[in-house]
Amino acid sequence: MSGHITDPEGKRIAGGALIEVWQTAPNQLYDAHDAEQPRGHLRASFRSDAAGVYRFRTIVPVSYPIPDDGPAGQLLKAMERHPFRPAHVHFMISASGFRTLVTHLFFEGE
């Protein structure tokens, strides 16, 4: 994955933005929910370069089910929806002078 960090007007933020990413493993679980995964598995923190560019390699994430009991399950059932979230990678990006952005990137076909 690669990209560049910009301000709200699209101007690149010169170097040093902190980029934190995390995703599920092939077994549909995050490391925090799976004692078999090492702590920090499929998580990373790094900084953008002087041009605001970042680049990293990872595996393709997988979709996973959210709990479908209780109120969430009732809502899913009422909407006739399945409990699976599409595959995605989470991003938390922070840079001096800007609000922290927490978002996620979905993949075509999901």
PDB file of N, CA and C in Angstrom:
ATOM      1  N   MET A   1       0.859  -1.165   0.000  1.00  0.00           N
ATOM      2  CA  MET A   1       0.000   0.000   0.000  1.00  0.00           C
ATOM      3  C   MET A   1       0.901   1.222   0.000  1.00  0.00           C
ATOM      4  N   SER A   2       0.439   2.257  -0.670  1.00  0.00           N
ATOM      5  CA  SER A   2       1.196   3.499  -0.675  1.00  0.00           C
ATOM      6  C   SER A   2       0.244   4.662  -0.890  1.00  0.00           C
ATOM      7  N   GLY A   3       0.696   5.831  -0.528  1.00  0.00           N
ATOM      8  CA  GLY A   3      -0.102   7.024  -0.702  1.00  0.00           C
ATOM      9  C   GLY A   3       0.664   8.219  -0.201  1.00  0.00           C
ATOM     10  N   HIS A   4      -0.030   9.317  -0.043  1.00  0.00           N
ATOM     11  CA  HIS A   4       0.599  10.511   0.501  1.00  0.00           C
ATOM     12  C   HIS A   4      -0.373  11.205   1.447  1.00  0.00           C
ATOM     13  N   ILE A   5       0.183  11.888   2.409  1.00  0.00           N
ATOM     14  CA  ILE A   5      -0.582  12.568   3.443  1.00  0.00           C
ATOM     15  C   ILE A   5      -0.764  14.026   3.017  1.00  0.00           C
ATOM     16  N   THR A   6      -2.023  14.483   3.016  1.00  0.00           N
ATOM     17  CA  THR A   6      -2.303  15.856   2.611  1.00  0.00           C
ATOM     18  C   THR A   6      -3.116  16.586   3.674  1.00  0.00           C
ATOM     19  N   ASP A   7      -3.141  17.901   3.535  1.00  0.00           N
ATOM     20  CA  ASP A   7      -4.017  18.710   4.385  1.00  0.00           C
ATOM     21  C   ASP A   7      -5.416  18.714   3.755  1.00  0.00           C
ATOM     22  N   PRO A   8      -6.404  19.344   4.384  1.00  0.00           N
ATOM     23  CA  PRO A   8      -7.772  19.329   3.834  1.00  0.00           C
ATOM     24  C   PRO A   8      -7.892  19.931   2.427  1.00  0.00           C
ATOM     25  N   GLU A   9      -6.944  20.775   2.025  1.00  0.00           N
ATOM     26  CA  GLU A   9      -6.986  21.373   0.684  1.00  0.00           C
ATOM     27  C   GLU A   9      -6.233  20.527  -0.350  1.00  0.00           C
ATOM     28  N   GLY A  10      -5.665  19.408   0.078  1.00  0.00           N
ATOM     29  CA  GLY A  10      -4.949  18.532  -0.853  1.00  0.00           C
ATOM     30  C   GLY A  10      -3.463  18.794  -0.964  1.00  0.00           C
ATOM     31  N   LYS A  11      -2.934  19.743  -0.188  1.00  0.00           N
ATOM     32  CA  LYS A  11      -1.497  20.028  -0.203  1.00  0.00           C
ATOM     33  C   LYS A  11      -0.782  18.985   0.662  1.00  0.00           C
ATOM     34  N   ARG A  12       0.267  18.416   0.121  1.00  0.00           N
ATOM     35  CA  ARG A  12       1.007  17.401   0.880  1.00  0.00           C
ATOM     36  C   ARG A  12       1.599  17.972   2.154  1.00  0.00           C
ATOM     37  N   ILE A  13       1.532  17.183   3.207  1.00  0.00           N
ATOM     38  CA  ILE A  13       2.124  17.555   4.488  1.00  0.00           C
ATOM     39  C   ILE A  13       3.552  17.037   4.478  1.00  0.00           C
ATOM     40  N   ALA A  14       4.492  17.940   4.543  1.00  0.00           N
ATOM     41  CA  ALA A  14       5.907  17.574   4.439  1.00  0.00           C
ATOM     42  C   ALA A  14       6.352  16.773   5.648  1.00  0.00           C
ATOM     43  N   GLY A  15       6.719  15.541   5.379  1.00  0.00           N
ATOM     44  CA  GLY A  15       7.346  14.621   6.313  1.00  0.00           C
ATOM     45  C   GLY A  15       6.909  14.608   7.759  1.00  0.00           C
ATOM     46  N   GLY A  16       7.000  13.466   8.338  1.00  0.00           N
ATOM     47  CA  GLY A  16       6.819  13.316   9.755  1.00  0.00           C
ATOM     48  C   GLY A  16       5.441  12.962  10.259  1.00  0.00           C
ATOM     49  N   ALA A  17       4.452  12.810   9.375  1.00  0.00           N
ATOM     50  CA  ALA A  17       3.140  12.379   9.865  1.00  0.00           C
ATOM     51  C   ALA A  17       3.270  10.960  10.411  1.00  0.00           C
ATOM     52  N   LEU A  18       2.670  10.733  11.562  1.00  0.00           N
ATOM     53  CA  LEU A  18       2.672   9.398  12.155  1.00  0.00           C
ATOM     54  C   LEU A  18       1.500   8.624  11.580  1.00  0.00           C
ATOM     55  N   ILE A  19       1.794   7.466  11.017  1.00  0.00           N
ATOM     56  CA  ILE A  19       0.774   6.616  10.402  1.00  0.00           C
ATOM     57  C   ILE A  19       0.756   5.307  11.165  1.00  0.00           C
ATOM     58  N   GLU A  20      -0.408   4.985  11.724  1.00  0.00           N
ATOM     59  CA  GLU A  20      -0.587   3.724  12.434  1.00  0.00           C
ATOM     60  C   GLU A  20      -1.639   2.923  11.680  1.00  0.00           C
ATOM     61  N   VAL A  21      -1.334   1.649  11.403  1.00  0.00           N
ATOM     62  CA  VAL A  21      -2.248   0.800  10.640  1.00  0.00           C
ATOM     63  C   VAL A  21      -2.471  -0.507  11.392  1.00  0.00           C
ATOM     64  N   TRP A  22      -3.659  -1.118  11.186  1.00  0.00           N
ATOM     65  CA  TRP A  22      -3.932  -2.430  11.756  1.00  0.00           C
ATOM     66  C   TRP A  22      -5.030  -3.101  10.957  1.00  0.00           C
ATOM     67  N   GLN A  23      -5.038  -4.438  11.012  1.00  0.00           N
ATOM     68  CA  GLN A  23      -6.012  -5.221  10.255  1.00  0.00           C
ATOM     69  C   GLN A  23      -6.162  -6.608  10.857  1.00  0.00           C
ATOM     70  N   THR A  24      -7.157  -7.347  10.352  1.00  0.00           N
ATOM     71  CA  THR A  24      -7.374  -8.716  10.807  1.00  0.00           C
ATOM     72  C   THR A  24      -6.398  -9.677  10.151  1.00  0.00           C
ATOM     73  N   ALA A  25      -6.231 -10.805  10.805  1.00  0.00           N
ATOM     74  CA  ALA A  25      -5.434 -11.903  10.259  1.00  0.00           C
ATOM     75  C   ALA A  25      -6.326 -12.772   9.369  1.00  0.00           C
ATOM     76  N   PRO A  26      -5.742 -13.711   8.637  1.00  0.00           N
ATOM     77  CA  PRO A  26      -6.552 -14.592   7.782  1.00  0.00           C
ATOM     78  C   PRO A  26      -7.637 -15.374   8.524  1.00  0.00           C
ATOM     79  N   ASN A  27      -7.519 -15.519   9.853  1.00  0.00           N
ATOM     80  CA  ASN A  27      -8.535 -16.238  10.628  1.00  0.00           C
ATOM     81  C   ASN A  27      -9.689 -15.332  11.070  1.00  0.00           C
ATOM     82  N   GLN A  28      -9.756 -14.124  10.522  1.00  0.00           N
ATOM     83  CA  GLN A  28     -10.828 -13.153  10.768  1.00  0.00           C
ATOM     84  C   GLN A  28     -10.754 -12.484  12.136  1.00  0.00           C
ATOM     85  N   LEU A  29      -9.609 -12.555  12.788  1.00  0.00           N
ATOM     86  CA  LEU A  29      -9.472 -11.970  14.124  1.00  0.00           C
ATOM     87  C   LEU A  29      -8.335 -10.956  14.167  1.00  0.00           C
ATOM     88  N   TYR A  30      -8.512  -9.926  15.006  1.00  0.00           N
ATOM     89  CA  TYR A  30      -7.425  -9.006  15.324  1.00  0.00           C
ATOM     90  C   TYR A  30      -6.565  -9.656  16.396  1.00  0.00           C
ATOM     91  N   ASP A  31      -5.319  -9.217  16.496  1.00  0.00           N
ATOM     92  CA  ASP A  31      -4.406  -9.800  17.486  1.00  0.00           C
ATOM     93  C   ASP A  31      -4.951  -9.699  18.903  1.00  0.00           C
ATOM     94  N   ALA A  32      -5.664  -8.619  19.216  1.00  0.00           N
ATOM     95  CA  ALA A  32      -6.200  -8.426  20.570  1.00  0.00           C
ATOM     96  C   ALA A  32      -7.296  -9.430  20.919  1.00  0.00           C
ATOM     97  N   HIS A  33      -7.877 -10.082  19.914  1.00  0.00           N
ATOM     98  CA  HIS A  33      -8.959 -11.039  20.139  1.00  0.00           C
ATOM     99  C   HIS A  33      -8.527 -12.484  19.946  1.00  0.00           C
ATOM    100  N   ASP A  34      -7.225 -12.708  19.763  1.00  0.00           N
ATOM    101  CA  ASP A  34      -6.731 -14.043  19.435  1.00  0.00           C
ATOM    102  C   ASP A  34      -5.429 -14.323  20.176  1.00  0.00           C
ATOM    103  N   ALA A  35      -5.494 -15.185  21.166  1.00  0.00           N
ATOM    104  CA  ALA A  35      -4.307 -15.515  21.971  1.00  0.00           C
ATOM    105  C   ALA A  35      -3.224 -16.216  21.155  1.00  0.00           C
ATOM    106  N   GLU A  36      -3.563 -16.765  19.994  1.00  0.00           N
ATOM    107  CA  GLU A  36      -2.590 -17.465  19.150  1.00  0.00           C
ATOM    108  C   GLU A  36      -1.707 -16.497  18.344  1.00  0.00           C
ATOM    109  N   GLN A  37      -2.168 -15.259  18.177  1.00  0.00           N
ATOM    110  CA  GLN A  37      -1.382 -14.276  17.425  1.00  0.00           C
ATOM    111  C   GLN A  37      -0.442 -13.535  18.364  1.00  0.00           C
ATOM    112  N   PRO A  38       0.768 -13.256  17.899  1.00  0.00           N
ATOM    113  CA  PRO A  38       1.658 -12.450  18.736  1.00  0.00           C
ATOM    114  C   PRO A  38       1.113 -11.036  18.905  1.00  0.00           C
ATOM    115  N   ARG A  39       1.407 -10.440  20.037  1.00  0.00           N
ATOM    116  CA  ARG A  39       0.967  -9.063  20.301  1.00  0.00           C
ATOM    117  C   ARG A  39       1.505  -8.144  19.198  1.00  0.00           C
ATOM    118  N   GLY A  40       0.631  -7.312  18.646  1.00  0.00           N
ATOM    119  CA  GLY A  40       1.046  -6.381  17.603  1.00  0.00           C
ATOM    120  C   GLY A  40       1.037  -6.973  16.198  1.00  0.00           C
ATOM    121  N   HIS A  41       0.531  -8.200  16.059  1.00  0.00           N
ATOM    122  CA  HIS A  41       0.488  -8.847  14.746  1.00  0.00           C
ATOM    123  C   HIS A  41      -0.400  -8.048  13.793  1.00  0.00           C
ATOM    124  N   LEU A  42       0.092  -7.782  12.599  1.00  0.00           N
ATOM    125  CA  LEU A  42      -0.602  -7.020  11.558  1.00  0.00           C
ATOM    126  C   LEU A  42      -0.961  -5.608  12.019  1.00  0.00           C
ATOM    127  N   ARG A  43      -0.038  -5.034  12.794  1.00  0.00           N
ATOM    128  CA  ARG A  43      -0.112  -3.633  13.219  1.00  0.00           C
ATOM    129  C   ARG A  43       1.239  -3.004  12.947  1.00  0.00           C
ATOM    130  N   ALA A  44       1.237  -1.730  12.614  1.00  0.00           N
ATOM    131  CA  ALA A  44       2.512  -1.039  12.370  1.00  0.00           C
ATOM    132  C   ALA A  44       2.346   0.446  12.639  1.00  0.00           C
ATOM    133  N   SER A  45       3.450   1.087  12.993  1.00  0.00           N
ATOM    134  CA  SER A  45       3.522   2.535  13.155  1.00  0.00           C
ATOM    135  C   SER A  45       4.764   3.009  12.426  1.00  0.00           C
ATOM    136  N   PHE A  46       4.617   4.025  11.609  1.00  0.00           N
ATOM    137  CA  PHE A  46       5.752   4.571  10.869  1.00  0.00           C
ATOM    138  C   PHE A  46       5.444   6.005  10.505  1.00  0.00           C
ATOM    139  N   ARG A  47       6.413   6.701   9.939  1.00  0.00           N
ATOM    140  CA  ARG A  47       6.240   8.109   9.573  1.00  0.00           C
ATOM    141  C   ARG A  47       6.354   8.283   8.063  1.00  0.00           C
ATOM    142  N   SER A  48       5.642   9.289   7.561  1.00  0.00           N
ATOM    143  CA  SER A  48       5.747   9.618   6.144  1.00  0.00           C
ATOM    144  C   SER A  48       7.114  10.254   5.882  1.00  0.00           C
ATOM    145  N   ASP A  49       7.524  10.241   4.610  1.00  0.00           N
ATOM    146  CA  ASP A  49       8.822  10.816   4.274  1.00  0.00           C
ATOM    147  C   ASP A  49       8.712  12.334   4.078  1.00  0.00           C
ATOM    148  N   ALA A  50       9.796  12.960   3.636  1.00  0.00           N
ATOM    149  CA  ALA A  50       9.847  14.421   3.496  1.00  0.00           C
ATOM    150  C   ALA A  50       8.808  14.959   2.518  1.00  0.00           C
ATOM    151  N   ALA A  51       8.325  14.121   1.596  1.00  0.00           N
ATOM    152  CA  ALA A  51       7.309  14.547   0.627  1.00  0.00           C
ATOM    153  C   ALA A  51       5.906  14.136   1.057  1.00  0.00           C
ATOM    154  N   GLY A  52       5.770  13.603   2.276  1.00  0.00           N
ATOM    155  CA  GLY A  52       4.466  13.176   2.765  1.00  0.00           C
ATOM    156  C   GLY A  52       4.051  11.809   2.265  1.00  0.00           C
ATOM    157  N   VAL A  53       4.972  11.074   1.668  1.00  0.00           N
ATOM    158  CA  VAL A  53       4.675   9.759   1.081  1.00  0.00           C
ATOM    159  C   VAL A  53       4.873   8.653   2.109  1.00  0.00           C
ATOM    160  N   TYR A  54       4.015   7.642   2.041  1.00  0.00           N
ATOM    161  CA  TYR A  54       4.183   6.441   2.855  1.00  0.00           C
ATOM    162  C   TYR A  54       4.048   5.220   1.946  1.00  0.00           C
ATOM    163  N   ARG A  55       4.625   4.125   2.399  1.00  0.00           N
ATOM    164  CA  ARG A  55       4.562   2.874   1.646  1.00  0.00           C
ATOM    165  C   ARG A  55       4.807   1.728   2.623  1.00  0.00           C
ATOM    166  N   PHE A  56       3.987   0.682   2.520  1.00  0.00           N
ATOM    167  CA  PHE A  56       4.214  -0.501   3.339  1.00  0.00           C
ATOM    168  C   PHE A  56       3.644  -1.720   2.636  1.00  0.00           C
ATOM    169  N   ARG A  57       4.106  -2.877   3.041  1.00  0.00           N
ATOM    170  CA  ARG A  57       3.613  -4.145   2.506  1.00  0.00           C
ATOM    171  C   ARG A  57       2.868  -4.884   3.598  1.00  0.00           C
ATOM    172  N   THR A  58       1.803  -5.563   3.207  1.00  0.00           N
ATOM    173  CA  THR A  58       1.029  -6.357   4.146  1.00  0.00           C
ATOM    174  C   THR A  58       0.321  -7.462   3.377  1.00  0.00           C
ATOM    175  N   ILE A  59      -0.389  -8.285   4.088  1.00  0.00           N
ATOM    176  CA  ILE A  59      -1.213  -9.292   3.430  1.00  0.00           C
ATOM    177  C   ILE A  59      -2.579  -8.683   3.134  1.00  0.00           C
ATOM    178  N   VAL A  60      -3.321  -9.307   2.245  1.00  0.00           N
ATOM    179  CA  VAL A  60      -4.672  -8.823   1.943  1.00  0.00           C
ATOM    180  C   VAL A  60      -5.565  -9.153   3.142  1.00  0.00           C
ATOM    181  N   PRO A  61      -6.254  -8.147   3.690  1.00  0.00           N
ATOM    182  CA  PRO A  61      -7.125  -8.416   4.839  1.00  0.00           C
ATOM    183  C   PRO A  61      -8.355  -9.225   4.423  1.00  0.00           C
ATOM    184  N   VAL A  62      -9.040  -9.776   5.401  1.00  0.00           N
ATOM    185  CA  VAL A  62     -10.254 -10.560   5.150  1.00  0.00           C
ATOM    186  C   VAL A  62     -11.432  -9.929   5.882  1.00  0.00           C
ATOM    187  N   SER A  63     -12.630 -10.242   5.412  1.00  0.00           N
ATOM    188  CA  SER A  63     -13.828  -9.781   6.110  1.00  0.00           C
ATOM    189  C   SER A  63     -13.971 -10.580   7.403  1.00  0.00           C
ATOM    190  N   TYR A  64     -14.788 -10.053   8.308  1.00  0.00           N
ATOM    191  CA  TYR A  64     -15.005 -10.765   9.570  1.00  0.00           C
ATOM    192  C   TYR A  64     -16.398 -10.445  10.098  1.00  0.00           C
ATOM    193  N   PRO A  65     -16.963 -11.352  10.894  1.00  0.00           N
ATOM    194  CA  PRO A  65     -18.293 -11.104  11.433  1.00  0.00           C
ATOM    195  C   PRO A  65     -18.244 -10.288  12.723  1.00  0.00           C
ATOM    196  N   ILE A  66     -19.227  -9.399  12.870  1.00  0.00           N
ATOM    197  CA  ILE A  66     -19.409  -8.719  14.144  1.00  0.00           C
ATOM    198  C   ILE A  66     -20.368  -9.572  14.970  1.00  0.00           C
ATOM    199  N   PRO A  67     -20.398  -9.424  16.286  1.00  0.00           N
ATOM    200  CA  PRO A  67     -21.346 -10.197  17.088  1.00  0.00           C
ATOM    201  C   PRO A  67     -22.774  -9.929  16.618  1.00  0.00           C
ATOM    202  N   ASP A  68     -23.547 -10.988  16.449  1.00  0.00           N
ATOM    203  CA  ASP A  68     -24.918 -10.789  15.967  1.00  0.00           C
ATOM    204  C   ASP A  68     -25.966 -11.203  16.992  1.00  0.00           C
ATOM    205  N   ASP A  69     -25.548 -11.173  18.244  1.00  0.00           N
ATOM    206  CA  ASP A  69     -26.529 -11.379  19.315  1.00  0.00           C
ATOM    207  C   ASP A  69     -26.842 -10.002  19.914  1.00  0.00           C
ATOM    208  N   GLY A  70     -27.829  -9.912  20.716  1.00  0.00           N
ATOM    209  CA  GLY A  70     -28.175  -8.651  21.357  1.00  0.00           C
ATOM    210  C   GLY A  70     -28.711  -7.626  20.379  1.00  0.00           C
ATOM    211  N   PRO A  71     -28.627  -6.334  20.730  1.00  0.00           N
ATOM    212  CA  PRO A  71     -29.202  -5.264  19.908  1.00  0.00           C
ATOM    213  C   PRO A  71     -28.630  -5.208  18.490  1.00  0.00           C
ATOM    214  N   ALA A  72     -27.316  -5.433  18.347  1.00  0.00           N
ATOM    215  CA  ALA A  72     -26.720  -5.405  17.001  1.00  0.00           C
ATOM    216  C   ALA A  72     -27.330  -6.494  16.130  1.00  0.00           C
ATOM    217  N   GLY A  73     -27.499  -7.688  16.688  1.00  0.00           N
ATOM    218  CA  GLY A  73     -28.110  -8.784  15.948  1.00  0.00           C
ATOM    219  C   GLY A  73     -29.553  -8.487  15.581  1.00  0.00           C
ATOM    220  N   GLN A  74     -30.282  -7.864  16.495  1.00  0.00           N
ATOM    221  CA  GLN A  74     -31.676  -7.500  16.208  1.00  0.00           C
ATOM    222  C   GLN A  74     -31.751  -6.498  15.064  1.00  0.00           C
ATOM    223  N   LEU A  75     -30.846  -5.522  15.078  1.00  0.00           N
ATOM    224  CA  LEU A  75     -30.824  -4.526  14.014  1.00  0.00           C
ATOM    225  C   LEU A  75     -30.454  -5.169  12.677  1.00  0.00           C
ATOM    226  N   LEU A  76     -29.459  -6.028  12.678  1.00  0.00           N
ATOM    227  CA  LEU A  76     -29.075  -6.722  11.442  1.00  0.00           C
ATOM    228  C   LEU A  76     -30.237  -7.541  10.888  1.00  0.00           C
ATOM    229  N   LYS A  77     -30.898  -8.261  11.788  1.00  0.00           N
ATOM    230  CA  LYS A  77     -32.043  -9.082  11.375  1.00  0.00           C
ATOM    231  C   LYS A  77     -33.155  -8.213  10.794  1.00  0.00           C
ATOM    232  N   ALA A  78     -33.461  -7.072  11.441  1.00  0.00           N
ATOM    233  CA  ALA A  78     -34.517  -6.170  10.966  1.00  0.00           C
ATOM    234  C   ALA A  78     -34.172  -5.588   9.596  1.00  0.00           C
ATOM    235  N   MET A  79     -32.879  -5.386   9.350  1.00  0.00           N
ATOM    236  CA  MET A  79     -32.440  -4.823   8.077  1.00  0.00           C
ATOM    237  C   MET A  79     -32.176  -5.903   7.028  1.00  0.00           C
ATOM    238  N   GLU A  80     -32.328  -7.156   7.450  1.00  0.00           N
ATOM    239  CA  GLU A  80     -32.030  -8.300   6.586  1.00  0.00           C
ATOM    240  C   GLU A  80     -30.597  -8.224   6.057  1.00  0.00           C
ATOM    241  N   ARG A  81     -29.676  -7.939   6.991  1.00  0.00           N
ATOM    242  CA  ARG A  81     -28.259  -7.817   6.664  1.00  0.00           C
ATOM    243  C   ARG A  81     -27.481  -8.943   7.313  1.00  0.00           C
ATOM    244  N   HIS A  82     -26.371  -9.323   6.714  1.00  0.00           N
ATOM    245  CA  HIS A  82     -25.474 -10.321   7.292  1.00  0.00           C
ATOM    246  C   HIS A  82     -24.539  -9.630   8.286  1.00  0.00           C
ATOM    247  N   PRO A  83     -23.860 -10.375   9.145  1.00  0.00           N
ATOM    248  CA  PRO A  83     -23.018  -9.754  10.167  1.00  0.00           C
ATOM    249  C   PRO A  83     -21.573  -9.471   9.732  1.00  0.00           C
ATOM    250  N   PHE A  84     -21.237  -9.657   8.451  1.00  0.00           N
ATOM    251  CA  PHE A  84     -19.849  -9.498   8.036  1.00  0.00           C
ATOM    252  C   PHE A  84     -19.500  -8.067   7.664  1.00  0.00           C
ATOM    253  N   ARG A  85     -18.340  -7.615   8.161  1.00  0.00           N
ATOM    254  CA  ARG A  85     -17.768  -6.330   7.750  1.00  0.00           C
ATOM    255  C   ARG A  85     -16.857  -6.609   6.569  1.00  0.00           C
ATOM    256  N   PRO A  86     -16.845  -5.750   5.565  1.00  0.00           N
ATOM    257  CA  PRO A  86     -15.943  -5.954   4.435  1.00  0.00           C
ATOM    258  C   PRO A  86     -14.483  -5.874   4.877  1.00  0.00           C
ATOM    259  N   ALA A  87     -13.615  -6.518   4.138  1.00  0.00           N
ATOM    260  CA  ALA A  87     -12.175  -6.460   4.435  1.00  0.00           C
ATOM    261  C   ALA A  87     -11.709  -5.003   4.372  1.00  0.00           C
ATOM    262  N   HIS A  88     -10.840  -4.630   5.306  1.00  0.00           N
ATOM    263  CA  HIS A  88     -10.360  -3.258   5.365  1.00  0.00           C
ATOM    264  C   HIS A  88      -9.083  -3.162   6.189  1.00  0.00           C
ATOM    265  N   VAL A  89      -8.390  -2.053   6.027  1.00  0.00           N
ATOM    266  CA  VAL A  89      -7.216  -1.718   6.833  1.00  0.00           C
ATOM    267  C   VAL A  89      -7.533  -0.407   7.544  1.00  0.00           C
ATOM    268  N   HIS A  90      -7.295  -0.373   8.849  1.00  0.00           N
ATOM    269  CA  HIS A  90      -7.511   0.832   9.648  1.00  0.00           C
ATOM    270  C   HIS A  90      -6.279   1.729   9.564  1.00  0.00           C
ATOM    271  N   PHE A  91      -6.532   3.036   9.577  1.00  0.00           N
ATOM    272  CA  PHE A  91      -5.466   4.036   9.599  1.00  0.00           C
ATOM    273  C   PHE A  91      -5.758   5.043  10.696  1.00  0.00           C
ATOM    274  N   MET A  92      -4.732   5.409  11.445  1.00  0.00           N
ATOM    275  CA  MET A  92      -4.796   6.554  12.345  1.00  0.00           C
ATOM    276  C   MET A  92      -3.589   7.418  11.980  1.00  0.00           C
ATOM    277  N   ILE A  93      -3.863   8.641  11.539  1.00  0.00           N
ATOM    278  CA  ILE A  93      -2.806   9.510  11.031  1.00  0.00           C
ATOM    279  C   ILE A  93      -2.796  10.790  11.846  1.00  0.00           C
ATOM    280  N   SER A  94      -1.614  11.136  12.346  1.00  0.00           N
ATOM    281  CA  SER A  94      -1.486  12.372  13.110  1.00  0.00           C
ATOM    282  C   SER A  94      -0.268  13.149  12.622  1.00  0.00           C
ATOM    283  N   ALA A  95      -0.421  14.455  12.605  1.00  0.00           N
ATOM    284  CA  ALA A  95       0.662  15.348  12.201  1.00  0.00           C
ATOM    285  C   ALA A  95       0.540  16.636  13.001  1.00  0.00           C
ATOM    286  N   SER A  96       1.653  17.210  13.324  1.00  0.00           N
ATOM    287  CA  SER A  96       1.681  18.437  14.110  1.00  0.00           C
ATOM    288  C   SER A  96       0.852  19.523  13.429  1.00  0.00           C
ATOM    289  N   GLY A  97      -0.031  20.153  14.203  1.00  0.00           N
ATOM    290  CA  GLY A  97      -0.859  21.234  13.688  1.00  0.00           C
ATOM    291  C   GLY A  97      -2.167  20.778  13.058  1.00  0.00           C
ATOM    292  N   PHE A  98      -2.431  19.469  13.067  1.00  0.00           N
ATOM    293  CA  PHE A  98      -3.642  18.929  12.459  1.00  0.00           C
ATOM    294  C   PHE A  98      -4.364  18.017  13.440  1.00  0.00           C
ATOM    295  N   ARG A  99      -5.683  17.893  13.278  1.00  0.00           N
ATOM    296  CA  ARG A  99      -6.442  16.928  14.067  1.00  0.00           C
ATOM    297  C   ARG A  99      -6.091  15.536  13.604  1.00  0.00           C
ATOM    298  N   THR A 100      -6.117  14.575  14.512  1.00  0.00           N
ATOM    299  CA  THR A 100      -5.848  13.181  14.170  1.00  0.00           C
ATOM    300  C   THR A 100      -7.000  12.622  13.356  1.00  0.00           C
ATOM    301  N   LEU A 101      -6.667  11.897  12.308  1.00  0.00           N
ATOM    302  CA  LEU A 101      -7.658  11.249  11.453  1.00  0.00           C
ATOM    303  C   LEU A 101      -7.654   9.755  11.745  1.00  0.00           C
ATOM    304  N   VAL A 102      -8.823   9.208  12.046  1.00  0.00           N
ATOM    305  CA  VAL A 102      -8.986   7.762  12.206  1.00  0.00           C
ATOM    306  C   VAL A 102      -9.980   7.332  11.137  1.00  0.00           C
ATOM    307  N   THR A 103      -9.562   6.412  10.280  1.00  0.00           N
ATOM    308  CA  THR A 103     -10.409   5.981   9.181  1.00  0.00           C
ATOM    309  C   THR A 103     -10.042   4.555   8.789  1.00  0.00           C
ATOM    310  N   HIS A 104     -10.665   4.044   7.754  1.00  0.00           N
ATOM    311  CA  HIS A 104     -10.272   2.739   7.235  1.00  0.00           C
ATOM    312  C   HIS A 104     -10.481   2.725   5.725  1.00  0.00           C
ATOM    313  N   LEU A 105      -9.721   1.865   5.084  1.00  0.00           N
ATOM    314  CA  LEU A 105      -9.736   1.743   3.636  1.00  0.00           C
ATOM    315  C   LEU A 105     -10.303   0.385   3.255  1.00  0.00           C
ATOM    316  N   PHE A 106     -11.362   0.395   2.449  1.00  0.00           N
ATOM    317  CA  PHE A 106     -11.988  -0.837   1.987  1.00  0.00           C
ATOM    318  C   PHE A 106     -11.452  -1.198   0.612  1.00  0.00           C
ATOM    319  N   PHE A 107     -11.645  -2.437   0.220  1.00  0.00           N
ATOM    320  CA  PHE A 107     -11.123  -2.933  -1.041  1.00  0.00           C
ATOM    321  C   PHE A 107     -12.238  -3.214  -2.034  1.00  0.00           C
ATOM    322  N   GLU A 108     -11.974  -2.903  -3.279  1.00  0.00           N
ATOM    323  CA  GLU A 108     -12.952  -3.137  -4.332  1.00  0.00           C
ATOM    324  C   GLU A 108     -13.404  -4.598  -4.316  1.00  0.00           C
ATOM    325  N   GLY A 109     -14.678  -4.805  -4.497  1.00  0.00           N
ATOM    326  CA  GLY A 109     -15.214  -6.161  -4.501  1.00  0.00           C
ATOM    327  C   GLY A 109     -15.706  -6.626  -3.150  1.00  0.00           C
ATOM    328  N   GLU A 110     -15.410  -5.881  -2.108  1.00  0.00           N
ATOM    329  CA  GLU A 110     -15.848  -6.235  -0.769  1.00  0.00           C
ATOM    330  C   GLU A 110     -17.201  -5.618  -0.510  1.00  0.00           C
TER     331      GLU A 110
END
